[in-house]
Structure formats: C-alpha cells, structure tokens
C-alpha cells in the first residue's frame, strides 16, 4: 500500500478493493476470535482513557496502547466486510493516532475511512473529515512543525478535498500549509494565507501577510523552543503586558500563533506558561507598553 505522500503524488486514492491481501487464506473462526479479543481490549482501553483527566497522561496511555492494534488495523483494511462496531473502533483508533501526533499513520487510516464512507462516532460534534482536518492541522500548528510536515498537510488537503467543512477549519488547514512553505515558496504561501484570511478573518494570518508584502520571510512564532524559555506564569505575563490576567488569557486564546503557551495539568486545573519574547513581540505588534518593574523572564508571581 502506498504511503499517503506517494498516493498524493501519483493521484491515487486507496479503497478497500485496491488494498492487497495479507495472507492467501484466512481462518474465519480464528479471525472472529481475534476480533472479539481486540474488541474487548479496545473497550477496556476506551474506558480507561475516559477516566484519565490529564491530557499528557492520556496521550501517553494512548500512544502505548496503539502498538497492539496495528496488525488489526491493517487486517481491517483488507477485509471485504465488517460490522458496524468494528468500523467505529477503526475510526476511534484513527483519531487516537492523530491525538498523539502520529499524523502520517493517522492520515493513512483517515484516507481509508473517508474513502469507505465511515462516519465519526455519534458523540462527535464534527464530521470525520472536519475532525481529521482540524486535529492534524491544529496539532501541527501547535507543535510548530509545519515545515517538517508539509507533505502531510498537502496530502491532508487532497484527502479532504470536496468534503463540506466549516470555513474556520478549512482556513486552519490553509494557514498550516502556508506556514509550511514560507521559506520555500512564499508566493504559494501568500496565496494560501489570503484564502485563510477570507474564510476566517480571525485565523491569525494577517501578520504573515504583512511580512510577506514587506518582502521578508517570517518565522512562525511556534518554532520549537526549550521548555525553560516559557518562564512566565499567566499572571506574570499579564503584568508584563499591562493587563489583568483574565484579559491576557483572552488575548492568548484569540491569538495562539502570537502567544503560544505551555499547558501544565495540575489536578482538575491547567497552569499556563508563556515565553517573555512572545509577550514582548505581541505588545510591540499591538502597541502595548511593558511594565518596567517586571524583569525579563523572571517569574516572581504565583499563577
């Protein structure tokens, strides 16, 4: 089976009929028994995940659990028929891959699920195409890894082409694809940014358009950084920005590309940490004056 990137380059689309068989003969009784074991294991894992409050811990648990489902997923994609429960499990496992940052494998599974017209689980508020698009594009944007995953983003655009999605989700995909090629193809990046801005004026692409129009090549603000660089609590960052903490957090949530943050789960709450250089860049961008009594990077305030 071709990888999603190879499929995109050759213009192919994987369907169940095109997938090669993995074995010459299949023992139906053995397969049924194996499917029952896998279904029971998934039910236990799903129940376990639903009771983990920490996102980081839940992601780690999912990543560890996914290793035992790979053979079943491959077998599912070559079967000629399947039960609805198995299809739902396949879709959940697809989403889990995306949740933990396994975007290449997640997209491979999503390509198949969409081609076979599998639906998102009933408790999803978005369609499967919307879920896959927002989680992959949003995850890559948040990780600051757009250039590394340019092929995945382009393949994603090809996979979901023609599906009805909200403008905000489509804009997020165009933005991610644009940031992935800021240095390699600024003209195409500008074209994608303009589409994103038209679809969603709050998509956070205007600063990139301004920089491109000025003739420079902007660097995405979410480039990989050291955790230690995020030395300000939300309260200290707000003080630096001359705002109240609630107001600053509203700005951060509205402009995540300008004010990226670390989220640290503590019980039922999340603590936020910010990078001083991002706060200062945001202040300059919005003409906000800094508080002179806040030392650069030294967080003396309690979150």
Protein backbone atom coordinates (compact mmCIF):
# COMPACT_ATOMS: atom_id res chain seq x y z
CA UNK A 1 0.00 0.00 0.00
CA UNK A 2 1.37 3.39 -1.00
CA UNK A 3 2.00 5.95 1.67
CA UNK A 4 -0.32 9.00 1.69
CA UNK A 5 2.50 11.10 0.19
CA UNK A 6 3.04 8.62 -2.64
CA UNK A 7 -0.70 8.40 -3.26
CA UNK A 8 -0.88 12.17 -3.48
CA UNK A 9 1.99 12.34 -5.99
CA UNK A 10 0.54 9.63 -8.21
CA UNK A 11 -3.05 10.83 -7.87
CA UNK A 12 -4.27 7.52 -6.47
CA UNK A 13 -6.91 7.03 -3.78
CA UNK A 14 -6.86 3.94 -1.60
CA UNK A 15 -10.03 1.93 -1.30
CA UNK A 16 -10.73 -1.47 0.21
CA UNK A 17 -10.75 -3.17 -3.19
CA UNK A 18 -7.32 -1.81 -4.09
CA UNK A 19 -5.58 -3.00 -0.92
CA UNK A 20 -3.52 -6.22 -1.26
CA UNK A 21 -4.43 -9.25 0.80
CA UNK A 22 -2.02 -10.01 3.62
CA UNK A 23 -2.45 -13.77 3.50
CA UNK A 24 -3.52 -16.37 0.98
CA UNK A 25 -6.07 -17.94 3.27
CA UNK A 26 -7.99 -16.75 6.29
CA UNK A 27 -9.45 -18.91 9.01
CA UNK A 28 -12.88 -17.35 9.71
CA UNK A 29 -13.19 -18.88 13.18
CA UNK A 30 -9.72 -17.71 14.19
CA UNK A 31 -10.37 -14.23 12.77
CA UNK A 32 -13.67 -13.96 14.67
CA UNK A 33 -11.97 -14.98 17.91
CA UNK A 34 -9.16 -12.49 17.34
CA UNK A 35 -11.65 -9.71 16.57
CA UNK A 36 -13.52 -10.44 19.80
CA UNK A 37 -10.30 -10.21 21.80
CA UNK A 38 -9.33 -6.93 20.13
CA UNK A 39 -12.84 -5.51 20.67
CA UNK A 40 -12.69 -6.41 24.37
CA UNK A 41 -9.24 -4.86 24.68
CA UNK A 42 -10.39 -1.65 22.98
CA UNK A 43 -13.44 -1.44 25.23
CA UNK A 44 -11.15 -1.67 28.27
CA UNK A 45 -8.71 0.90 26.84
CA UNK A 46 -11.52 3.28 25.90
CA UNK A 47 -12.96 3.07 29.41
CA UNK A 48 -9.50 3.65 30.89
CA UNK A 49 -8.82 6.69 28.70
CA UNK A 50 -12.17 8.27 29.60
CA UNK A 51 -11.16 8.32 33.25
CA UNK A 52 -7.73 9.96 32.78
CA UNK A 53 -8.04 13.68 33.45
CA UNK A 54 -4.53 14.74 32.45
CA UNK A 55 -4.17 15.30 28.70
CA UNK A 56 -0.47 14.48 28.81
CA UNK A 57 -1.05 11.25 30.72
CA UNK A 58 -3.93 10.29 28.45
CA UNK A 59 -1.83 10.90 25.33
CA UNK A 60 0.97 8.75 26.75
CA UNK A 61 -1.50 5.96 27.53
CA UNK A 62 -2.97 6.13 24.03
CA UNK A 63 0.47 6.01 22.42
CA UNK A 64 1.36 2.92 24.39
CA UNK A 65 -1.98 1.22 23.69
CA UNK A 66 -1.89 1.84 19.95
CA UNK A 67 1.00 -0.54 19.37
CA UNK A 68 -1.22 -3.57 19.97
CA UNK A 69 -3.81 -2.52 17.35
CA UNK A 70 -1.56 -2.09 14.29
CA UNK A 71 -2.00 -5.62 12.94
CA UNK A 72 -5.77 -5.45 13.42
CA UNK A 73 -5.97 -2.11 11.62
CA UNK A 74 -4.04 -3.48 8.66
CA UNK A 75 -6.27 -6.56 8.54
CA UNK A 76 -9.43 -4.45 8.76
CA UNK A 77 -8.39 -2.56 5.63
CA UNK A 78 -8.24 -5.74 3.53
CA UNK A 79 -11.43 -7.39 4.75
CA UNK A 80 -14.36 -7.46 2.35
CA UNK A 81 -16.94 -6.88 5.07
CA UNK A 82 -17.07 -5.58 8.63
CA UNK A 83 -19.51 -4.99 11.47
CA UNK A 84 -20.55 -1.50 12.49
CA UNK A 85 -18.85 -1.88 15.89
CA UNK A 86 -15.56 -2.71 14.18
CA UNK A 87 -15.93 0.32 11.92
CA UNK A 88 -16.49 2.58 14.93
CA UNK A 89 -13.42 1.12 16.63
CA UNK A 90 -11.39 1.73 13.46
CA UNK A 91 -12.44 5.40 13.43
CA UNK A 92 -11.64 5.84 17.13
CA UNK A 93 -8.18 4.35 16.64
CA UNK A 94 -7.67 6.67 13.67
CA UNK A 95 -8.46 9.66 15.89
CA UNK A 96 -6.19 8.34 18.64
CA UNK A 97 -3.25 8.27 16.23
CA UNK A 98 -3.88 11.92 15.43
CA UNK A 99 -4.32 12.79 19.12
CA UNK A 100 -0.81 11.56 19.94
CA UNK A 101 0.87 13.24 16.95
CA UNK A 102 1.12 10.16 14.72
CA UNK A 103 -0.13 12.29 11.84
CA UNK A 104 1.27 10.22 8.97
CA UNK A 105 -0.32 6.97 10.20
CA UNK A 106 -3.48 8.79 11.27
CA UNK A 107 -3.87 10.29 7.80
CA UNK A 108 -3.29 6.91 6.18
CA UNK A 109 -6.14 5.45 8.24
CA UNK A 110 -8.33 8.51 7.70
CA UNK A 111 -7.85 8.30 3.94
CA UNK A 112 -9.22 4.77 4.03
CA UNK A 113 -12.05 5.59 6.45
CA UNK A 114 -13.26 8.51 4.31
CA UNK A 115 -12.99 6.51 1.08
CA UNK A 116 -15.10 3.78 2.70
CA UNK A 117 -17.56 6.43 3.97
CA UNK A 118 -17.10 5.52 7.61
CA UNK A 119 -18.71 8.03 9.94
CA UNK A 120 -17.46 9.78 13.04
CA UNK A 121 -18.76 8.29 16.32
CA UNK A 122 -22.21 9.57 17.26
CA UNK A 123 -20.89 11.67 20.15
CA UNK A 124 -18.65 13.71 17.81
CA UNK A 125 -19.93 17.22 17.07
CA UNK A 126 -17.99 17.35 13.78
CA UNK A 127 -17.87 15.14 10.73
CA UNK A 128 -14.96 12.76 10.31
CA UNK A 129 -13.42 14.98 7.61
CA UNK A 130 -13.68 18.03 9.90
CA UNK A 131 -12.25 16.15 12.87
CA UNK A 132 -9.28 14.81 10.93
CA UNK A 133 -8.56 18.19 9.32
CA UNK A 134 -8.79 20.28 12.46
CA UNK A 135 -6.85 17.87 14.65
CA UNK A 136 -3.99 17.31 12.19
CA UNK A 137 -3.65 20.92 11.02
CA UNK A 138 -4.17 22.29 14.53
CA UNK A 139 -1.78 19.79 16.08
CA UNK A 140 0.98 20.59 13.60
CA UNK A 141 0.44 24.34 14.07
CA UNK A 142 0.62 23.97 17.84
CA UNK A 143 3.77 21.87 17.62
CA UNK A 144 5.42 24.48 15.37
CA UNK A 145 6.39 21.70 12.96
CA UNK A 146 4.75 22.96 9.80
CA UNK A 147 7.82 22.81 7.51
CA UNK A 148 8.67 19.28 8.62
CA UNK A 149 5.13 18.08 7.90
CA UNK A 150 4.49 19.97 4.67
CA UNK A 151 3.82 16.71 2.78
CA UNK A 152 1.34 15.53 5.40
CA UNK A 153 -0.55 18.83 5.21
CA UNK A 154 -0.67 18.75 1.40
CA UNK A 155 -1.84 15.13 1.48
CA UNK A 156 -4.49 16.08 4.03
CA UNK A 157 -5.76 18.82 1.71
CA UNK A 158 -6.05 16.25 -1.08
CA UNK A 159 -7.79 13.69 1.13
CA UNK A 160 -10.50 16.09 2.38
CA UNK A 161 -10.95 17.95 -0.90
CA UNK A 162 -14.63 18.14 -1.74
CA UNK A 163 -15.90 17.49 1.80
CA UNK A 164 -18.20 20.06 3.39
CA UNK A 165 -16.39 21.65 6.34
CA UNK A 166 -16.73 24.87 8.33
CA UNK A 167 -14.78 27.85 6.99
CA UNK A 168 -12.77 28.08 10.21
CA UNK A 169 -11.45 24.53 9.85
CA UNK A 170 -10.63 25.00 6.16
CA UNK A 171 -8.86 28.25 7.00
CA UNK A 172 -6.75 26.48 9.63
CA UNK A 173 -5.62 23.94 7.03
CA UNK A 174 -4.70 26.68 4.54
CA UNK A 175 -2.81 28.54 7.25
CA UNK A 176 -0.81 25.45 8.22
CA UNK A 177 0.04 24.72 4.58
CA UNK A 178 1.10 28.35 4.10
CA UNK A 179 3.40 28.40 7.13
CA UNK A 180 4.97 25.14 5.92
CA UNK A 181 6.25 26.86 2.77
CA UNK A 182 7.07 30.38 3.94
CA UNK A 183 10.74 29.88 3.14
CA UNK A 184 10.45 27.56 0.14
CA UNK A 185 7.53 29.03 -1.80
CA UNK A 186 6.47 32.46 -0.47
CA UNK A 187 4.15 33.12 -3.41
CA UNK A 188 2.15 29.97 -2.77
CA UNK A 189 2.25 30.73 0.95
CA UNK A 190 0.77 34.17 0.31
CA UNK A 191 -1.98 32.67 -1.84
CA UNK A 192 -2.94 30.23 0.91
CA UNK A 193 -2.82 32.93 3.58
CA UNK A 194 -5.15 35.14 1.56
CA UNK A 195 -7.65 32.29 1.26
CA UNK A 196 -7.41 31.63 5.00
CA UNK A 197 -7.96 35.32 5.79
CA UNK A 198 -11.00 35.42 3.53
CA UNK A 199 -12.51 32.29 5.08
CA UNK A 200 -11.80 33.32 8.67
CA UNK A 201 -10.70 36.91 9.45
CA UNK A 202 -9.68 35.71 12.94
CA UNK A 203 -7.39 32.94 11.68
CA UNK A 204 -4.27 34.90 12.69
CA UNK A 205 -2.65 35.16 9.26
CA UNK A 206 -2.54 38.95 8.79
CA UNK A 207 0.88 39.35 10.39
CA UNK A 208 2.36 36.84 7.96
CA UNK A 209 0.75 38.59 5.01
CA UNK A 210 2.16 41.94 6.17
CA UNK A 211 5.64 40.48 6.47
CA UNK A 212 5.45 38.79 3.08
CA UNK A 213 4.19 42.01 1.50
CA UNK A 214 7.15 43.83 3.05
CA UNK A 215 9.50 41.40 1.32
CA UNK A 216 10.68 39.46 4.36
CA UNK A 217 10.28 35.80 5.25
CA UNK A 218 8.59 35.48 8.64
CA UNK A 219 9.44 32.70 11.01
CA UNK A 220 6.41 31.00 12.63
CA UNK A 221 6.20 32.08 16.24
CA UNK A 222 5.70 28.49 17.32
CA UNK A 223 9.10 27.21 16.24
CA UNK A 224 10.48 24.53 18.59
CA UNK A 225 11.83 26.07 21.77
CA UNK A 226 13.12 24.95 25.13
CA UNK A 227 10.54 24.43 27.85
CA UNK A 228 12.71 26.58 30.11
CA UNK A 229 12.05 29.54 27.79
CA UNK A 230 8.45 29.55 28.99
CA UNK A 231 9.37 31.18 32.27
CA UNK A 232 6.34 33.41 32.88
CA UNK A 233 3.16 32.38 34.62
CA UNK A 234 -0.09 33.76 33.23
CA UNK A 235 -0.16 36.38 35.98
CA UNK A 236 3.44 37.49 35.37
CA UNK A 237 2.88 37.59 31.61
CA UNK A 238 -0.24 39.70 32.14
CA UNK A 239 1.73 42.08 34.36
CA UNK A 240 4.40 42.41 31.67
CA UNK A 241 1.69 43.17 29.12
CA UNK A 242 -0.02 45.70 31.40
CA UNK A 243 -3.23 43.70 31.51
CA UNK A 244 -5.25 41.77 34.00
CA UNK A 245 -4.69 38.01 33.91
CA UNK A 246 -8.20 37.24 32.53
CA UNK A 247 -7.76 39.83 29.77
CA UNK A 248 -4.33 38.49 28.85
CA UNK A 249 -5.62 34.92 28.67
CA UNK A 250 -8.39 36.08 26.36
CA UNK A 251 -5.76 37.61 24.09
CA UNK A 252 -3.68 34.42 24.23
CA UNK A 253 -6.63 32.21 23.28
CA UNK A 254 -7.65 34.56 20.48
CA UNK A 255 -4.11 34.75 19.06
CA UNK A 256 -2.40 31.41 19.82
CA UNK A 257 0.05 31.90 16.96
CA UNK A 258 1.30 35.13 18.60
CA UNK A 259 1.09 33.99 22.21
CA UNK A 260 1.80 30.24 22.28
CA UNK A 261 1.68 28.70 25.73
CA UNK A 262 2.56 25.61 27.66
CA UNK A 263 -0.32 23.89 29.44
CA UNK A 264 0.59 22.07 32.65
CA UNK A 265 -2.19 19.88 34.09
CA UNK A 266 -2.47 20.15 37.86
CA UNK A 267 -5.37 18.13 39.19
CA UNK A 268 -8.51 19.47 37.53
CA UNK A 269 -6.83 22.75 36.53
CA UNK A 270 -4.30 23.79 33.90
CA UNK A 271 -1.44 26.20 34.57
CA UNK A 272 -0.22 28.27 31.64
CA UNK A 273 3.36 29.32 30.98
CA UNK A 274 4.47 31.94 28.47
CA UNK A 275 7.71 32.95 26.77
CA UNK A 276 8.75 36.56 27.57
CA UNK A 277 9.89 37.19 23.99
CA UNK A 278 6.45 36.22 22.67
CA UNK A 279 4.76 38.58 25.13
CA UNK A 280 7.07 41.45 24.13
CA UNK A 281 6.55 40.73 20.43
CA UNK A 282 2.81 40.75 20.97
CA UNK A 283 2.99 44.05 22.85
CA UNK A 284 5.01 45.59 20.02
CA UNK A 285 2.56 44.25 17.46
CA UNK A 286 -0.40 45.74 19.35
CA UNK A 287 1.45 48.84 20.61
CA UNK A 288 1.19 47.80 24.24
CA UNK A 289 3.67 49.31 26.72
CA UNK A 290 5.56 46.96 29.02
CA UNK A 291 5.70 47.29 32.77
CA UNK A 292 9.27 48.31 33.64
CA UNK A 293 9.14 46.61 37.02
CA UNK A 294 8.91 43.13 35.53
CA UNK A 295 12.27 41.52 34.97
CA UNK A 296 12.76 39.72 31.65
CA UNK A 297 11.92 36.07 32.14
CA UNK A 298 11.99 36.03 35.95
CA UNK A 299 8.61 34.90 37.18
CA UNK A 300 8.07 36.11 40.71
CA UNK A 301 4.28 35.95 40.63
CA UNK A 302 2.29 32.89 41.58
CA UNK A 303 -0.03 31.60 38.80
